[in-house]
Each structure stands twice: as C-alpha cells, then as structure tokens.
C-alpha cells in the first residue's frame, strides 16, 4: 500500500481472501475489521 501511494496510485482497494468465519469466531484468525484497521484502505 505504501509503495502504491508513493507511485501516485490513488485508488487502492482491498480483497480479503480465504476467510474462515469459524476460526474468526474462535479468535484463531484475524478478523476483516482488524485487517481494515491495520491497512486503512
């Protein structure tokens, strides 16, 4: 994301792949919300 911004690519969006809801519920996998907080895109 930082490299893209430095190259003046302004439209940057996120796809979260291979999500396992049952692992998120058991706190064994990072949630999509936490990923969004970290990447801010």
ModelCIF file with pLDDT and N, C-alpha, C, O atoms, coordinates in Angstrom:
data_MODEL
#
_entry.id   MODEL 
#
_entity.id                         1 
_entity.type                       polymer 
_entity.pdbx_number_of_molecules   1 
#
_entity_poly.entity_id                      1 
_entity_poly.type                           'polypeptide(L)' 
_entity_poly.nstd_linkage                   no 
_entity_poly.nstd_monomer                   no 
_entity_poly.pdbx_seq_one_letter_code       
;(UNK)(UNK)(UNK)(UNK)(UNK)(UNK)(UNK)(UNK)(UNK)(UNK)(UNK)(UNK)(UNK)(UNK)(UNK)(UNK)
(UNK)(UNK)(UNK)(UNK)(UNK)(UNK)(UNK)(UNK)(UNK)(UNK)(UNK)(UNK)(UNK)(UNK)(UNK)(UNK)
(UNK)(UNK)(UNK)(UNK)(UNK)(UNK)(UNK)(UNK)(UNK)
;
_entity_poly.pdbx_seq_one_letter_code_can   XXXXXXXXXXXXXXXXXXXXXXXXXXXXXXXXXXXXXXXXX 
_entity_poly.pdbx_strand_id                 A 
#
loop_
_entity_poly_seq.entity_id 
_entity_poly_seq.num 
_entity_poly_seq.mon_id 
_entity_poly_seq.hetero 
1 1  UNK n 
1 2  UNK n 
1 3  UNK n 
1 4  UNK n 
1 5  UNK n 
1 6  UNK n 
1 7  UNK n 
1 8  UNK n 
1 9  UNK n 
1 10 UNK n 
1 11 UNK n 
1 12 UNK n 
1 13 UNK n 
1 14 UNK n 
1 15 UNK n 
1 16 UNK n 
1 17 UNK n 
1 18 UNK n 
1 19 UNK n 
1 20 UNK n 
1 21 UNK n 
1 22 UNK n 
1 23 UNK n 
1 24 UNK n 
1 25 UNK n 
1 26 UNK n 
1 27 UNK n 
1 28 UNK n 
1 29 UNK n 
1 30 UNK n 
1 31 UNK n 
1 32 UNK n 
1 33 UNK n 
1 34 UNK n 
1 35 UNK n 
1 36 UNK n 
1 37 UNK n 
1 38 UNK n 
1 39 UNK n 
1 40 UNK n 
1 41 UNK n 
#
_struct_asym.id          A 
_struct_asym.entity_id   1 
#
loop_
_ma_qa_metric.id 
_ma_qa_metric.mode 
_ma_qa_metric.name 
_ma_qa_metric.software_group_id 
_ma_qa_metric.type 
1 global pLDDT . pLDDT 
2 local  pLDDT . pLDDT 
#
_ma_qa_metric_global.metric_id      1 
_ma_qa_metric_global.metric_value   94.95 
_ma_qa_metric_global.model_id       1 
_ma_qa_metric_global.ordinal_id     1 
#
loop_
_ma_qa_metric_local.label_asym_id 
_ma_qa_metric_local.label_comp_id 
_ma_qa_metric_local.label_seq_id 
_ma_qa_metric_local.metric_id 
_ma_qa_metric_local.metric_value 
_ma_qa_metric_local.model_id 
_ma_qa_metric_local.ordinal_id 
A UNK 1  2 96.00 1 1  
A UNK 2  2 95.00 1 2  
A UNK 3  2 95.00 1 3  
A UNK 4  2 95.00 1 4  
A UNK 5  2 93.00 1 5  
A UNK 6  2 94.00 1 6  
A UNK 7  2 92.00 1 7  
A UNK 8  2 91.00 1 8  
A UNK 9  2 95.00 1 9  
A UNK 10 2 90.00 1 10 
A UNK 11 2 97.00 1 11 
A UNK 12 2 98.00 1 12 
A UNK 13 2 98.00 1 13 
A UNK 14 2 98.00 1 14 
A UNK 15 2 98.00 1 15 
A UNK 16 2 97.00 1 16 
A UNK 17 2 97.00 1 17 
A UNK 18 2 96.00 1 18 
A UNK 19 2 96.00 1 19 
A UNK 20 2 95.00 1 20 
A UNK 21 2 93.00 1 21 
A UNK 22 2 92.00 1 22 
A UNK 23 2 94.00 1 23 
A UNK 24 2 92.00 1 24 
A UNK 25 2 90.00 1 25 
A UNK 26 2 92.00 1 26 
A UNK 27 2 92.00 1 27 
A UNK 28 2 93.00 1 28 
A UNK 29 2 95.00 1 29 
A UNK 30 2 95.00 1 30 
A UNK 31 2 95.00 1 31 
A UNK 32 2 95.00 1 32 
A UNK 33 2 96.00 1 33 
A UNK 34 2 96.00 1 34 
A UNK 35 2 97.00 1 35 
A UNK 36 2 97.00 1 36 
A UNK 37 2 97.00 1 37 
A UNK 38 2 96.00 1 38 
A UNK 39 2 97.00 1 39 
A UNK 40 2 96.00 1 40 
A UNK 41 2 97.00 1 41 
#
loop_
_atom_site.group_PDB 
_atom_site.id 
_atom_site.type_symbol 
_atom_site.label_atom_id 
_atom_site.label_alt_id 
_atom_site.label_comp_id 
_atom_site.label_asym_id 
_atom_site.label_entity_id 
_atom_site.label_seq_id 
_atom_site.pdbx_PDB_ins_code 
_atom_site.Cartn_x 
_atom_site.Cartn_y 
_atom_site.Cartn_z 
_atom_site.occupancy 
_atom_site.B_iso_or_equiv 
_atom_site.pdbx_formal_charge 
_atom_site.auth_seq_id 
_atom_site.auth_comp_id 
_atom_site.auth_asym_id 
_atom_site.auth_atom_id 
_atom_site.pdbx_PDB_model_num 
ATOM 1   N N  . UNK A 1 1  ? 0.844   -1.203  0.000  1.00 96.00 ? 1  UNK A N  1 
ATOM 2   C CA . UNK A 1 1  ? 0.000   0.000   0.000  1.00 96.00 ? 1  UNK A CA 1 
ATOM 3   C C  . UNK A 1 1  ? 0.878   1.250   0.000  1.00 96.00 ? 1  UNK A C  1 
ATOM 4   O O  . UNK A 1 1  ? 0.626   2.194   -0.749 1.00 96.00 ? 1  UNK A O  1 
ATOM 5   N N  . UNK A 1 2  ? 1.909   1.248   0.846  1.00 95.00 ? 2  UNK A N  1 
ATOM 6   C CA . UNK A 1 2  ? 2.827   2.387   0.894  1.00 95.00 ? 2  UNK A CA 1 
ATOM 7   C C  . UNK A 1 2  ? 3.542   2.602   -0.430 1.00 95.00 ? 2  UNK A C  1 
ATOM 8   O O  . UNK A 1 2  ? 3.721   3.742   -0.858 1.00 95.00 ? 2  UNK A O  1 
ATOM 9   N N  . UNK A 1 3  ? 3.952   1.519   -1.084 1.00 95.00 ? 3  UNK A N  1 
ATOM 10  C CA . UNK A 1 3  ? 4.632   1.628   -2.379 1.00 95.00 ? 3  UNK A CA 1 
ATOM 11  C C  . UNK A 1 3  ? 3.681   2.168   -3.447 1.00 95.00 ? 3  UNK A C  1 
ATOM 12  O O  . UNK A 1 3  ? 4.079   2.973   -4.288 1.00 95.00 ? 3  UNK A O  1 
ATOM 13  N N  . UNK A 1 4  ? 2.432   1.723   -3.411 1.00 95.00 ? 4  UNK A N  1 
ATOM 14  C CA . UNK A 1 4  ? 1.442   2.217   -4.368 1.00 95.00 ? 4  UNK A CA 1 
ATOM 15  C C  . UNK A 1 4  ? 1.221   3.719   -4.203 1.00 95.00 ? 4  UNK A C  1 
ATOM 16  O O  . UNK A 1 4  ? 1.161   4.464   -5.181 1.00 95.00 ? 4  UNK A O  1 
ATOM 17  N N  . UNK A 1 5  ? 1.104   4.142   -2.965 1.00 93.00 ? 5  UNK A N  1 
ATOM 18  C CA . UNK A 1 5  ? 0.887   5.564   -2.705 1.00 93.00 ? 5  UNK A CA 1 
ATOM 19  C C  . UNK A 1 5  ? 2.072   6.394   -3.167 1.00 93.00 ? 5  UNK A C  1 
ATOM 20  O O  . UNK A 1 5  ? 1.895   7.507   -3.662 1.00 93.00 ? 5  UNK A O  1 
ATOM 21  N N  . UNK A 1 6  ? 3.286   5.858   -3.007 1.00 94.00 ? 6  UNK A N  1 
ATOM 22  C CA . UNK A 1 6  ? 4.483   6.576   -3.455 1.00 94.00 ? 6  UNK A CA 1 
ATOM 23  C C  . UNK A 1 6  ? 4.550   6.672   -4.974 1.00 94.00 ? 6  UNK A C  1 
ATOM 24  O O  . UNK A 1 6  ? 5.202   7.566   -5.515 1.00 94.00 ? 6  UNK A O  1 
ATOM 25  N N  . UNK A 1 7  ? 3.867   5.738   -5.674 1.00 92.00 ? 7  UNK A N  1 
ATOM 26  C CA . UNK A 1 7  ? 3.814   5.762   -7.137 1.00 92.00 ? 7  UNK A CA 1 
ATOM 27  C C  . UNK A 1 7  ? 2.608   6.559   -7.639 1.00 92.00 ? 7  UNK A C  1 
ATOM 28  O O  . UNK A 1 7  ? 2.290   6.532   -8.828 1.00 92.00 ? 7  UNK A O  1 
ATOM 29  N N  . UNK A 1 8  ? 1.942   7.264   -6.731 1.00 91.00 ? 8  UNK A N  1 
ATOM 30  C CA . UNK A 1 8  ? 0.791   8.120   -7.072 1.00 91.00 ? 8  UNK A CA 1 
ATOM 31  C C  . UNK A 1 8  ? -0.411  7.330   -7.590 1.00 91.00 ? 8  UNK A C  1 
ATOM 32  O O  . UNK A 1 8  ? -1.230  7.862   -8.339 1.00 91.00 ? 8  UNK A O  1 
ATOM 33  N N  . UNK A 1 9  ? -0.513  6.059   -7.188 1.00 95.00 ? 9  UNK A N  1 
ATOM 34  C CA . UNK A 1 9  ? -1.728  5.292   -7.479 1.00 95.00 ? 9  UNK A CA 1 
ATOM 35  C C  . UNK A 1 9  ? -2.692  5.558   -6.327 1.00 95.00 ? 9  UNK A C  1 
ATOM 36  O O  . UNK A 1 9  ? -2.503  5.058   -5.218 1.00 95.00 ? 9  UNK A O  1 
ATOM 37  N N  . UNK A 1 10 ? -3.702  6.331   -6.593 1.00 90.00 ? 10 UNK A N  1 
ATOM 38  C CA . UNK A 1 10 ? -4.547  6.842   -5.509 1.00 90.00 ? 10 UNK A CA 1 
ATOM 39  C C  . UNK A 1 10 ? -5.741  5.948   -5.189 1.00 90.00 ? 10 UNK A C  1 
ATOM 40  O O  . UNK A 1 10 ? -6.214  5.927   -4.053 1.00 90.00 ? 10 UNK A O  1 
ATOM 41  N N  . UNK A 1 11 ? -6.227  5.215   -6.178 1.00 97.00 ? 11 UNK A N  1 
ATOM 42  C CA . UNK A 1 11 ? -7.375  4.336   -5.944 1.00 97.00 ? 11 UNK A CA 1 
ATOM 43  C C  . UNK A 1 11 ? -6.856  2.946   -5.593 1.00 97.00 ? 11 UNK A C  1 
ATOM 44  O O  . UNK A 1 11 ? -6.445  2.180   -6.465 1.00 97.00 ? 11 UNK A O  1 
ATOM 45  N N  . UNK A 1 12 ? -6.885  2.640   -4.305 1.00 98.00 ? 12 UNK A N  1 
ATOM 46  C CA . UNK A 1 12 ? -6.373  1.357   -3.808 1.00 98.00 ? 12 UNK A CA 1 
ATOM 47  C C  . UNK A 1 12 ? -7.457  0.715   -2.958 1.00 98.00 ? 12 UNK A C  1 
ATOM 48  O O  . UNK A 1 12 ? -7.945  1.322   -2.004 1.00 98.00 ? 12 UNK A O  1 
ATOM 49  N N  . UNK A 1 13 ? -7.832  -0.503  -3.300 1.00 98.00 ? 13 UNK A N  1 
ATOM 50  C CA . UNK A 1 13 ? -8.880  -1.196  -2.550 1.00 98.00 ? 13 UNK A CA 1 
ATOM 51  C C  . UNK A 1 13 ? -8.428  -2.600  -2.159 1.00 98.00 ? 13 UNK A C  1 
ATOM 52  O O  . UNK A 1 13 ? -7.445  -3.124  -2.683 1.00 98.00 ? 13 UNK A O  1 
ATOM 53  N N  . UNK A 1 14 ? -9.160  -3.186  -1.238 1.00 98.00 ? 14 UNK A N  1 
ATOM 54  C CA . UNK A 1 14 ? -8.723  -4.428  -0.589 1.00 98.00 ? 14 UNK A CA 1 
ATOM 55  C C  . UNK A 1 14 ? -9.688  -5.574  -0.838 1.00 98.00 ? 14 UNK A C  1 
ATOM 56  O O  . UNK A 1 14 ? -10.906 -5.407  -0.779 1.00 98.00 ? 14 UNK A O  1 
ATOM 57  N N  . UNK A 1 15 ? -9.119  -6.745  -1.118 1.00 98.00 ? 15 UNK A N  1 
ATOM 58  C CA . UNK A 1 15 ? -9.863  -8.007  -1.098 1.00 98.00 ? 15 UNK A CA 1 
ATOM 59  C C  . UNK A 1 15 ? -9.215  -8.902  -0.055 1.00 98.00 ? 15 UNK A C  1 
ATOM 60  O O  . UNK A 1 15 ? -8.008  -9.142  -0.099 1.00 98.00 ? 15 UNK A O  1 
ATOM 61  N N  . UNK A 1 16 ? -10.015 -9.397  0.883  1.00 97.00 ? 16 UNK A N  1 
ATOM 62  C CA . UNK A 1 16 ? -9.528  -10.343 1.881  1.00 97.00 ? 16 UNK A CA 1 
ATOM 63  C C  . UNK A 1 16 ? -9.943  -11.738 1.433  1.00 97.00 ? 16 UNK A C  1 
ATOM 64  O O  . UNK A 1 16 ? -11.131 -12.043 1.324  1.00 97.00 ? 16 UNK A O  1 
ATOM 65  N N  . UNK A 1 17 ? -8.956  -12.569 1.179  1.00 97.00 ? 17 UNK A N  1 
ATOM 66  C CA . UNK A 1 17 ? -9.188  -13.900 0.619  1.00 97.00 ? 17 UNK A CA 1 
ATOM 67  C C  . UNK A 1 17 ? -9.034  -14.982 1.693  1.00 97.00 ? 17 UNK A C  1 
ATOM 68  O O  . UNK A 1 17 ? -8.358  -14.783 2.702  1.00 97.00 ? 17 UNK A O  1 
ATOM 69  N N  . UNK A 1 18 ? -9.667  -16.114 1.456  1.00 96.00 ? 18 UNK A N  1 
ATOM 70  C CA . UNK A 1 18 ? -9.554  -17.309 2.308  1.00 96.00 ? 18 UNK A CA 1 
ATOM 71  C C  . UNK A 1 18 ? -9.971  -17.042 3.759  1.00 96.00 ? 18 UNK A C  1 
ATOM 72  O O  . UNK A 1 18 ? -9.266  -17.404 4.701  1.00 96.00 ? 18 UNK A O  1 
ATOM 73  N N  . UNK A 1 19 ? -11.093 -16.422 3.908  1.00 96.00 ? 19 UNK A N  1 
ATOM 74  C CA . UNK A 1 19 ? -11.618 -16.127 5.245  1.00 96.00 ? 19 UNK A CA 1 
ATOM 75  C C  . UNK A 1 19 ? -12.376 -17.340 5.780  1.00 96.00 ? 19 UNK A C  1 
ATOM 76  O O  . UNK A 1 19 ? -13.199 -17.928 5.078  1.00 96.00 ? 19 UNK A O  1 
ATOM 77  N N  . UNK A 1 20 ? -12.089 -17.708 7.032  1.00 95.00 ? 20 UNK A N  1 
ATOM 78  C CA . UNK A 1 20 ? -12.788 -18.814 7.696  1.00 95.00 ? 20 UNK A CA 1 
ATOM 79  C C  . UNK A 1 20 ? -13.550 -18.251 8.894  1.00 95.00 ? 20 UNK A C  1 
ATOM 80  O O  . UNK A 1 20 ? -12.951 -17.998 9.940  1.00 95.00 ? 20 UNK A O  1 
ATOM 81  N N  . UNK A 1 21 ? -14.850 -18.053 8.759  1.00 93.00 ? 21 UNK A N  1 
ATOM 82  C CA . UNK A 1 21 ? -15.632 -17.437 9.834  1.00 93.00 ? 21 UNK A CA 1 
ATOM 83  C C  . UNK A 1 21 ? -15.535 -18.172 11.158 1.00 93.00 ? 21 UNK A C  1 
ATOM 84  O O  . UNK A 1 21 ? -15.494 -17.548 12.219 1.00 93.00 ? 21 UNK A O  1 
ATOM 85  N N  . UNK A 1 22 ? -15.499 -19.519 11.098 1.00 92.00 ? 22 UNK A N  1 
ATOM 86  C CA . UNK A 1 22 ? -15.461 -20.274 12.360 1.00 92.00 ? 22 UNK A CA 1 
ATOM 87  C C  . UNK A 1 22 ? -14.163 -20.023 13.117 1.00 92.00 ? 22 UNK A C  1 
ATOM 88  O O  . UNK A 1 22 ? -14.167 -20.023 14.348 1.00 92.00 ? 22 UNK A O  1 
ATOM 89  N N  . UNK A 1 23 ? -13.056 -19.811 12.414 1.00 94.00 ? 23 UNK A N  1 
ATOM 90  C CA . UNK A 1 23 ? -11.783 -19.522 13.076 1.00 94.00 ? 23 UNK A CA 1 
ATOM 91  C C  . UNK A 1 23 ? -11.776 -18.106 13.653 1.00 94.00 ? 23 UNK A C  1 
ATOM 92  O O  . UNK A 1 23 ? -11.180 -17.858 14.701 1.00 94.00 ? 23 UNK A O  1 
ATOM 93  N N  . UNK A 1 24 ? -12.442 -17.182 12.960 1.00 92.00 ? 24 UNK A N  1 
ATOM 94  C CA . UNK A 1 24 ? -12.558 -15.810 13.490 1.00 92.00 ? 24 UNK A CA 1 
ATOM 95  C C  . UNK A 1 24 ? -13.369 -15.817 14.777 1.00 92.00 ? 24 UNK A C  1 
ATOM 96  O O  . UNK A 1 24 ? -13.030 -15.127 15.739 1.00 92.00 ? 24 UNK A O  1 
ATOM 97  N N  . UNK A 1 25 ? -14.448 -16.606 14.787 1.00 90.00 ? 25 UNK A N  1 
ATOM 98  C CA . UNK A 1 25 ? -15.283 -16.684 15.990 1.00 90.00 ? 25 UNK A CA 1 
ATOM 99  C C  . UNK A 1 25 ? -14.518 -17.248 17.179 1.00 90.00 ? 25 UNK A C  1 
ATOM 100 O O  . UNK A 1 25 ? -14.785 -16.890 18.326 1.00 90.00 ? 25 UNK A O  1 
ATOM 101 N N  . UNK A 1 26 ? -13.573 -18.127 16.901 1.00 92.00 ? 26 UNK A N  1 
ATOM 102 C CA . UNK A 1 26 ? -12.773 -18.733 17.968 1.00 92.00 ? 26 UNK A CA 1 
ATOM 103 C C  . UNK A 1 26 ? -11.496 -17.939 18.260 1.00 92.00 ? 26 UNK A C  1 
ATOM 104 O O  . UNK A 1 26 ? -10.634 -18.390 19.014 1.00 92.00 ? 26 UNK A O  1 
ATOM 105 N N  . UNK A 1 27 ? -11.384 -16.743 17.652 1.00 92.00 ? 27 UNK A N  1 
ATOM 106 C CA . UNK A 1 27 ? -10.193 -15.886 17.812 1.00 92.00 ? 27 UNK A CA 1 
ATOM 107 C C  . UNK A 1 27 ? -8.905  -16.582 17.368 1.00 92.00 ? 27 UNK A C  1 
ATOM 108 O O  . UNK A 1 27 ? -7.833  -16.359 17.930 1.00 92.00 ? 27 UNK A O  1 
ATOM 109 N N  . UNK A 1 28 ? -9.039  -17.428 16.347 1.00 93.00 ? 28 UNK A N  1 
ATOM 110 C CA . UNK A 1 28 ? -7.873  -18.114 15.797 1.00 93.00 ? 28 UNK A CA 1 
ATOM 111 C C  . UNK A 1 28 ? -7.429  -17.498 14.475 1.00 93.00 ? 28 UNK A C  1 
ATOM 112 O O  . UNK A 1 28 ? -6.434  -17.922 13.887 1.00 93.00 ? 28 UNK A O  1 
ATOM 113 N N  . UNK A 1 29 ? -8.164  -16.506 14.016 1.00 95.00 ? 29 UNK A N  1 
ATOM 114 C CA . UNK A 1 29 ? -7.857  -15.839 12.744 1.00 95.00 ? 29 UNK A CA 1 
ATOM 115 C C  . UNK A 1 29 ? -8.172  -14.357 12.890 1.00 95.00 ? 29 UNK A C  1 
ATOM 116 O O  . UNK A 1 29 ? -9.124  -13.977 13.571 1.00 95.00 ? 29 UNK A O  1 
ATOM 117 N N  . UNK A 1 30 ? -7.361  -13.528 12.243 1.00 95.00 ? 30 UNK A N  1 
ATOM 118 C CA . UNK A 1 30 ? -7.603  -12.077 12.282 1.00 95.00 ? 30 UNK A CA 1 
ATOM 119 C C  . UNK A 1 30 ? -8.932  -11.781 11.598 1.00 95.00 ? 30 UNK A C  1 
ATOM 120 O O  . UNK A 1 30 ? -9.236  -12.351 10.550 1.00 95.00 ? 30 UNK A O  1 
ATOM 121 N N  . UNK A 1 31 ? -9.708  -10.907 12.179 1.00 95.00 ? 31 UNK A N  1 
ATOM 122 C CA . UNK A 1 31 ? -10.988 -10.541 11.575 1.00 95.00 ? 31 UNK A CA 1 
ATOM 123 C C  . UNK A 1 31 ? -10.774 -9.547  10.442 1.00 95.00 ? 31 UNK A C  1 
ATOM 124 O O  . UNK A 1 31 ? -9.741  -8.881  10.374 1.00 95.00 ? 31 UNK A O  1 
ATOM 125 N N  . UNK A 1 32 ? -11.754 -9.453  9.560  1.00 95.00 ? 32 UNK A N  1 
ATOM 126 C CA . UNK A 1 32 ? -11.694 -8.496  8.457  1.00 95.00 ? 32 UNK A CA 1 
ATOM 127 C C  . UNK A 1 32 ? -11.633 -7.069  9.013  1.00 95.00 ? 32 UNK A C  1 
ATOM 128 O O  . UNK A 1 32 ? -10.931 -6.214  8.472  1.00 95.00 ? 32 UNK A O  1 
ATOM 129 N N  . UNK A 1 33 ? -12.370 -6.825  10.089 1.00 96.00 ? 33 UNK A N  1 
ATOM 130 C CA . UNK A 1 33 ? -12.364 -5.487  10.706 1.00 96.00 ? 33 UNK A CA 1 
ATOM 131 C C  . UNK A 1 33 ? -10.964 -5.115  11.197 1.00 96.00 ? 33 UNK A C  1 
ATOM 132 O O  . UNK A 1 33 ? -10.528 -3.976  11.032 1.00 96.00 ? 33 UNK A O  1 
ATOM 133 N N  . UNK A 1 34 ? -10.262 -6.076  11.798 1.00 96.00 ? 34 UNK A N  1 
ATOM 134 C CA . UNK A 1 34 ? -8.899  -5.797  12.267 1.00 96.00 ? 34 UNK A CA 1 
ATOM 135 C C  . UNK A 1 34 ? -7.960  -5.511  11.098 1.00 96.00 ? 34 UNK A C  1 
ATOM 136 O O  . UNK A 1 34 ? -7.093  -4.642  11.191 1.00 96.00 ? 34 UNK A O  1 
ATOM 137 N N  . UNK A 1 35 ? -8.136  -6.242  10.000 1.00 97.00 ? 35 UNK A N  1 
ATOM 138 C CA . UNK A 1 35 ? -7.304  -6.006  8.815  1.00 97.00 ? 35 UNK A CA 1 
ATOM 139 C C  . UNK A 1 35 ? -7.556  -4.615  8.259  1.00 97.00 ? 35 UNK A C  1 
ATOM 140 O O  . UNK A 1 35 ? -6.616  -3.924  7.866  1.00 97.00 ? 35 UNK A O  1 
ATOM 141 N N  . UNK A 1 36 ? -8.814  -4.201  8.222  1.00 97.00 ? 36 UNK A N  1 
ATOM 142 C CA . UNK A 1 36 ? -9.153  -2.863  7.738  1.00 97.00 ? 36 UNK A CA 1 
ATOM 143 C C  . UNK A 1 36 ? -8.548  -1.782  8.633  1.00 97.00 ? 36 UNK A C  1 
ATOM 144 O O  . UNK A 1 36 ? -8.101  -0.746  8.141  1.00 97.00 ? 36 UNK A O  1 
ATOM 145 N N  . UNK A 1 37 ? -8.533  -2.021  9.943  1.00 97.00 ? 37 UNK A N  1 
ATOM 146 C CA . UNK A 1 37 ? -7.922  -1.064  10.872 1.00 97.00 ? 37 UNK A CA 1 
ATOM 147 C C  . UNK A 1 37 ? -6.421  -0.932  10.619 1.00 97.00 ? 37 UNK A C  1 
ATOM 148 O O  . UNK A 1 37 ? -5.851  0.149   10.764 1.00 97.00 ? 37 UNK A O  1 
ATOM 149 N N  . UNK A 1 38 ? -5.784  -2.050  10.238 1.00 96.00 ? 38 UNK A N  1 
ATOM 150 C CA . UNK A 1 38 ? -4.339  -2.039  10.014 1.00 96.00 ? 38 UNK A CA 1 
ATOM 151 C C  . UNK A 1 38 ? -3.968  -1.404  8.676  1.00 96.00 ? 38 UNK A C  1 
ATOM 152 O O  . UNK A 1 38 ? -2.975  -0.682  8.586  1.00 96.00 ? 38 UNK A O  1 
ATOM 153 N N  . UNK A 1 39 ? -4.755  -1.668  7.644  1.00 97.00 ? 39 UNK A N  1 
ATOM 154 C CA . UNK A 1 39 ? -4.384  -1.219  6.296  1.00 97.00 ? 39 UNK A CA 1 
ATOM 155 C C  . UNK A 1 39 ? -5.000  0.129   5.902  1.00 97.00 ? 39 UNK A C  1 
ATOM 156 O O  . UNK A 1 39 ? -4.435  0.862   5.090  1.00 97.00 ? 39 UNK A O  1 
ATOM 157 N N  . UNK A 1 40 ? -6.135  0.441   6.470  1.00 96.00 ? 40 UNK A N  1 
ATOM 158 C CA . UNK A 1 40 ? -6.804  1.734   6.247  1.00 96.00 ? 40 UNK A CA 1 
ATOM 159 C C  . UNK A 1 40 ? -7.019  2.002   4.748  1.00 96.00 ? 40 UNK A C  1 
ATOM 160 O O  . UNK A 1 40 ? -6.704  3.087   4.260  1.00 96.00 ? 40 UNK A O  1 
ATOM 161 N N  . UNK A 1 41 ? -7.546  1.031   4.037  1.00 97.00 ? 41 UNK A N  1 
ATOM 162 C CA . UNK A 1 41 ? -7.975  1.227   2.652  1.00 97.00 ? 41 UNK A CA 1 
ATOM 163 C C  . UNK A 1 41 ? -9.369  0.623   2.510  1.00 97.00 ? 41 UNK A C  1 
ATOM 164 O O  . UNK A 1 41 ? -9.951  0.662   1.425  1.00 97.00 ? 41 UNK A O  1 
#
